[in-house]
Amino acid sequence: MMSSPSQPNKQGQRRRIRLVLFFVLCFSVWTGYTAYLQSDILSEKESELEQLKQEAAAVQQQQAELSYKVSRLNDKEYIAELARKHFFLSKPGEKIYVLPE
C-alpha cells in the first residue's frame, strides 16, 4: 500500500502540536513554581510590614508622650513640683516630710 501524501503531513502536524503542548506545559509548571515561591516571600514581607507598623505606632505614641513632657517643662509650677519631689527642695518656711511608699 502506498501512503498518501497527506499521511506524512499529519504526522508532522501532530509532532508540532505535541512539541507546542510540551513547551506550554513546561512554561505553566515554571510559572506556577515561581508564583508559589513568591507567595511565600510575599507573606513573609506582609508579616514584617505588620510588625513594623506596630513598632511605628509605639514610637509615635512614645514621641507624643515625650512631646507632652517637654511642653510641661516650660511650666514653672511643674518644674517646682519636680524639684520638690526629686531633689527635696522647698520654699522658704516650708517643711518636707518623706513618707514611705
N, C-alpha and C. Protein backbone atom coordinates (compact mmCIF):
# COMPACT_ATOMS: atom_id res chain seq x y z
N MET A 1 0.80 -1.16 0.00
CA MET A 1 0.00 0.00 0.00
C MET A 1 0.85 1.25 0.00
N MET A 2 0.41 2.15 -0.71
CA MET A 2 1.14 3.40 -0.78
C MET A 2 0.48 4.39 0.15
N SER A 3 1.31 5.08 0.84
CA SER A 3 0.74 6.07 1.73
C SER A 3 0.45 7.33 0.95
N SER A 4 -0.59 7.94 1.33
CA SER A 4 -0.98 9.14 0.64
C SER A 4 -0.09 10.30 1.05
N PRO A 5 -0.01 11.32 0.23
CA PRO A 5 0.88 12.43 0.57
C PRO A 5 0.43 13.17 1.83
N SER A 6 -0.81 13.03 2.23
CA SER A 6 -1.26 13.74 3.43
C SER A 6 -0.84 13.04 4.72
N GLN A 7 -0.48 11.74 4.64
CA GLN A 7 -0.09 10.97 5.83
C GLN A 7 1.16 11.56 6.50
N PRO A 8 2.26 11.82 5.82
CA PRO A 8 3.43 12.40 6.48
C PRO A 8 3.14 13.81 6.99
N ASN A 9 2.29 14.52 6.31
CA ASN A 9 1.95 15.87 6.74
C ASN A 9 1.20 15.83 8.07
N LYS A 10 0.31 14.84 8.27
CA LYS A 10 -0.44 14.72 9.52
C LYS A 10 0.49 14.35 10.66
N GLN A 11 1.46 13.48 10.41
CA GLN A 11 2.41 13.10 11.45
C GLN A 11 3.26 14.30 11.87
N GLY A 12 3.68 15.09 10.92
CA GLY A 12 4.46 16.29 11.23
C GLY A 12 3.63 17.30 12.00
N GLN A 13 2.37 17.39 11.64
CA GLN A 13 1.49 18.33 12.34
C GLN A 13 1.27 17.88 13.79
N ARG A 14 1.08 16.57 13.97
CA ARG A 14 0.92 16.03 15.33
C ARG A 14 2.19 16.27 16.16
N ARG A 15 3.32 16.06 15.54
CA ARG A 15 4.60 16.26 16.23
C ARG A 15 4.75 17.72 16.68
N ARG A 16 4.38 18.65 15.79
CA ARG A 16 4.47 20.07 16.14
C ARG A 16 3.49 20.42 17.28
N ILE A 17 2.30 19.86 17.23
CA ILE A 17 1.31 20.13 18.29
C ILE A 17 1.82 19.59 19.63
N ARG A 18 2.39 18.38 19.61
CA ARG A 18 2.96 17.81 20.85
C ARG A 18 4.09 18.68 21.39
N LEU A 19 4.94 19.15 20.48
CA LEU A 19 6.06 19.99 20.88
C LEU A 19 5.55 21.30 21.51
N VAL A 20 4.56 21.91 20.90
CA VAL A 20 3.99 23.15 21.43
C VAL A 20 3.33 22.89 22.78
N LEU A 21 2.58 21.80 22.90
CA LEU A 21 1.94 21.46 24.17
C LEU A 21 2.97 21.19 25.26
N PHE A 22 4.10 20.54 24.88
CA PHE A 22 5.17 20.29 25.85
C PHE A 22 5.74 21.61 26.37
N PHE A 23 6.00 22.56 25.47
CA PHE A 23 6.53 23.85 25.90
C PHE A 23 5.51 24.62 26.73
N VAL A 24 4.23 24.54 26.38
CA VAL A 24 3.19 25.19 27.17
C VAL A 24 3.13 24.58 28.57
N LEU A 25 3.24 23.24 28.65
CA LEU A 25 3.23 22.57 29.95
C LEU A 25 4.44 22.99 30.78
N CYS A 26 5.61 23.00 30.16
CA CYS A 26 6.83 23.43 30.88
C CYS A 26 6.70 24.87 31.37
N PHE A 27 6.19 25.74 30.53
CA PHE A 27 6.02 27.14 30.91
C PHE A 27 5.02 27.27 32.06
N SER A 28 3.94 26.49 32.02
CA SER A 28 2.93 26.54 33.08
C SER A 28 3.50 26.05 34.40
N VAL A 29 4.27 24.98 34.36
CA VAL A 29 4.89 24.46 35.58
C VAL A 29 5.86 25.49 36.14
N TRP A 30 6.68 26.08 35.29
CA TRP A 30 7.65 27.09 35.75
C TRP A 30 6.93 28.30 36.35
N THR A 31 5.86 28.75 35.70
CA THR A 31 5.09 29.90 36.19
C THR A 31 4.46 29.59 37.55
N GLY A 32 3.89 28.41 37.69
CA GLY A 32 3.28 28.01 38.95
C GLY A 32 4.30 27.92 40.07
N TYR A 33 5.46 27.35 39.80
CA TYR A 33 6.50 27.22 40.81
C TYR A 33 7.01 28.60 41.23
N THR A 34 7.21 29.48 40.28
CA THR A 34 7.67 30.84 40.58
C THR A 34 6.63 31.58 41.43
N ALA A 35 5.36 31.44 41.08
CA ALA A 35 4.30 32.09 41.85
C ALA A 35 4.25 31.54 43.27
N TYR A 36 4.46 30.24 43.42
CA TYR A 36 4.46 29.62 44.75
C TYR A 36 5.61 30.18 45.60
N LEU A 37 6.79 30.27 45.03
CA LEU A 37 7.93 30.81 45.77
C LEU A 37 7.70 32.27 46.14
N GLN A 38 7.15 33.04 45.22
CA GLN A 38 6.93 34.46 45.50
C GLN A 38 5.81 34.66 46.51
N SER A 39 4.85 33.76 46.58
CA SER A 39 3.79 33.90 47.57
C SER A 39 4.34 33.71 48.97
N ASP A 40 5.31 32.82 49.15
CA ASP A 40 5.96 32.66 50.46
C ASP A 40 6.71 33.93 50.84
N ILE A 41 7.45 34.47 49.90
CA ILE A 41 8.20 35.70 50.17
C ILE A 41 7.24 36.84 50.48
N LEU A 42 6.15 36.92 49.74
CA LEU A 42 5.16 37.97 49.96
C LEU A 42 4.53 37.87 51.35
N SER A 43 4.21 36.66 51.79
CA SER A 43 3.62 36.51 53.12
C SER A 43 4.62 36.89 54.21
N GLU A 44 5.90 36.58 54.01
CA GLU A 44 6.93 36.99 54.97
C GLU A 44 7.02 38.52 55.03
N LYS A 45 7.01 39.15 53.87
CA LYS A 45 7.10 40.61 53.82
C LYS A 45 5.86 41.26 54.45
N GLU A 46 4.69 40.67 54.26
CA GLU A 46 3.48 41.22 54.86
C GLU A 46 3.52 41.14 56.38
N SER A 47 4.03 40.02 56.92
CA SER A 47 4.13 39.91 58.37
C SER A 47 5.18 40.88 58.91
N GLU A 48 6.27 41.06 58.17
CA GLU A 48 7.30 42.03 58.57
C GLU A 48 6.73 43.45 58.53
N LEU A 49 5.93 43.75 57.52
CA LEU A 49 5.30 45.07 57.41
C LEU A 49 4.37 45.32 58.59
N GLU A 50 3.58 44.32 58.97
CA GLU A 50 2.66 44.46 60.10
C GLU A 50 3.43 44.73 61.39
N GLN A 51 4.53 44.00 61.58
CA GLN A 51 5.35 44.21 62.77
C GLN A 51 5.94 45.62 62.77
N LEU A 52 6.41 46.08 61.63
CA LEU A 52 6.99 47.43 61.55
C LEU A 52 5.93 48.50 61.78
N LYS A 53 4.71 48.25 61.33
CA LYS A 53 3.62 49.20 61.59
C LYS A 53 3.33 49.30 63.08
N GLN A 54 3.36 48.16 63.77
CA GLN A 54 3.14 48.17 65.22
C GLN A 54 4.27 48.92 65.93
N GLU A 55 5.50 48.68 65.50
CA GLU A 55 6.63 49.39 66.09
C GLU A 55 6.52 50.89 65.84
N ALA A 56 6.11 51.26 64.63
CA ALA A 56 5.97 52.68 64.29
C ALA A 56 4.88 53.33 65.16
N ALA A 57 3.80 52.61 65.40
CA ALA A 57 2.73 53.15 66.25
C ALA A 57 3.23 53.34 67.68
N ALA A 58 4.03 52.39 68.18
CA ALA A 58 4.58 52.52 69.53
C ALA A 58 5.54 53.70 69.60
N VAL A 59 6.35 53.88 68.58
CA VAL A 59 7.30 55.01 68.57
C VAL A 59 6.55 56.34 68.49
N GLN A 60 5.49 56.38 67.70
CA GLN A 60 4.71 57.62 67.62
C GLN A 60 4.05 57.95 68.95
N GLN A 61 3.56 56.92 69.65
CA GLN A 61 2.97 57.15 70.96
C GLN A 61 4.03 57.65 71.94
N GLN A 62 5.20 57.04 71.90
CA GLN A 62 6.29 57.47 72.77
C GLN A 62 6.70 58.91 72.44
N GLN A 63 6.73 59.25 71.17
CA GLN A 63 7.07 60.61 70.77
C GLN A 63 6.03 61.60 71.28
N ALA A 64 4.77 61.23 71.22
CA ALA A 64 3.71 62.11 71.72
C ALA A 64 3.86 62.33 73.22
N GLU A 65 4.17 61.25 73.95
CA GLU A 65 4.36 61.38 75.40
C GLU A 65 5.55 62.28 75.72
N LEU A 66 6.65 62.10 74.98
CA LEU A 66 7.83 62.92 75.22
C LEU A 66 7.57 64.38 74.86
N SER A 67 6.83 64.60 73.80
CA SER A 67 6.49 65.98 73.43
C SER A 67 5.65 66.64 74.52
N TYR A 68 4.74 65.87 75.10
CA TYR A 68 3.91 66.38 76.19
C TYR A 68 4.78 66.73 77.40
N LYS A 69 5.75 65.84 77.72
CA LYS A 69 6.64 66.10 78.86
C LYS A 69 7.49 67.34 78.60
N VAL A 70 7.96 67.52 77.39
CA VAL A 70 8.76 68.70 77.05
C VAL A 70 7.92 69.96 77.19
N SER A 71 6.69 69.89 76.73
CA SER A 71 5.82 71.07 76.86
C SER A 71 5.55 71.39 78.32
N ARG A 72 5.49 70.37 79.17
CA ARG A 72 5.27 70.61 80.60
C ARG A 72 6.49 71.22 81.26
N LEU A 73 7.69 70.97 80.70
CA LEU A 73 8.90 71.54 81.27
C LEU A 73 8.96 73.06 81.09
N ASN A 74 8.12 73.60 80.24
CA ASN A 74 8.05 75.05 80.08
C ASN A 74 7.19 75.70 81.16
N ASP A 75 6.50 74.89 81.96
CA ASP A 75 5.62 75.38 83.03
C ASP A 75 6.42 75.47 84.33
N LYS A 76 6.50 76.66 84.92
CA LYS A 76 7.29 76.87 86.13
C LYS A 76 6.74 76.09 87.32
N GLU A 77 5.45 75.95 87.41
CA GLU A 77 4.84 75.20 88.52
C GLU A 77 5.23 73.72 88.44
N TYR A 78 5.27 73.17 87.24
CA TYR A 78 5.64 71.77 87.07
C TYR A 78 7.10 71.57 87.45
N ILE A 79 7.96 72.50 87.07
CA ILE A 79 9.38 72.39 87.43
C ILE A 79 9.55 72.46 88.93
N ALA A 80 8.79 73.33 89.59
CA ALA A 80 8.85 73.41 91.05
C ALA A 80 8.39 72.10 91.68
N GLU A 81 7.35 71.51 91.13
CA GLU A 81 6.85 70.23 91.65
C GLU A 81 7.91 69.13 91.51
N LEU A 82 8.59 69.10 90.35
CA LEU A 82 9.66 68.12 90.16
C LEU A 82 10.82 68.35 91.12
N ALA A 83 11.18 69.61 91.34
CA ALA A 83 12.28 69.92 92.26
C ALA A 83 11.93 69.46 93.67
N ARG A 84 10.68 69.65 94.08
CA ARG A 84 10.27 69.20 95.41
C ARG A 84 10.29 67.68 95.50
N LYS A 85 9.80 67.05 94.48
CA LYS A 85 9.66 65.59 94.51
C LYS A 85 11.00 64.87 94.44
N HIS A 86 11.86 65.26 93.50
CA HIS A 86 13.10 64.51 93.27
C HIS A 86 14.29 65.03 94.08
N PHE A 87 14.33 66.32 94.34
CA PHE A 87 15.51 66.89 95.00
C PHE A 87 15.21 67.42 96.39
N PHE A 88 13.98 67.25 96.86
CA PHE A 88 13.54 67.67 98.18
C PHE A 88 13.81 69.16 98.43
N LEU A 89 13.64 69.97 97.41
CA LEU A 89 13.77 71.41 97.56
C LEU A 89 12.46 71.97 98.10
N SER A 90 12.56 73.05 98.81
CA SER A 90 11.34 73.63 99.38
C SER A 90 11.41 75.15 99.31
N LYS A 91 10.25 75.74 99.44
CA LYS A 91 10.17 77.20 99.51
C LYS A 91 10.57 77.61 100.93
N PRO A 92 10.96 78.86 101.11
CA PRO A 92 11.32 79.31 102.47
C PRO A 92 10.14 79.13 103.43
N GLY A 93 10.40 78.49 104.58
CA GLY A 93 9.37 78.29 105.59
C GLY A 93 8.57 77.01 105.37
N GLU A 94 8.82 76.30 104.31
CA GLU A 94 8.06 75.08 104.01
C GLU A 94 8.83 73.87 104.53
N LYS A 95 8.13 72.89 105.08
CA LYS A 95 8.77 71.66 105.59
C LYS A 95 8.35 70.50 104.70
N ILE A 96 9.31 69.61 104.42
CA ILE A 96 9.04 68.45 103.58
C ILE A 96 9.10 67.20 104.45
N TYR A 97 8.07 66.41 104.35
CA TYR A 97 8.01 65.14 105.05
C TYR A 97 8.04 64.02 104.01
N VAL A 98 8.95 63.07 104.19
CA VAL A 98 9.06 61.96 103.28
C VAL A 98 8.34 60.77 103.88
N LEU A 99 7.36 60.29 103.17
CA LEU A 99 6.57 59.15 103.64
C LEU A 99 7.03 57.87 102.90
N PRO A 100 7.12 56.78 103.63
CA PRO A 100 7.50 55.53 102.95
C PRO A 100 6.38 55.09 101.99
N GLU A 101 6.78 54.50 100.93
CA GLU A 101 5.79 54.07 99.93
C GLU A 101 5.33 52.68 100.15
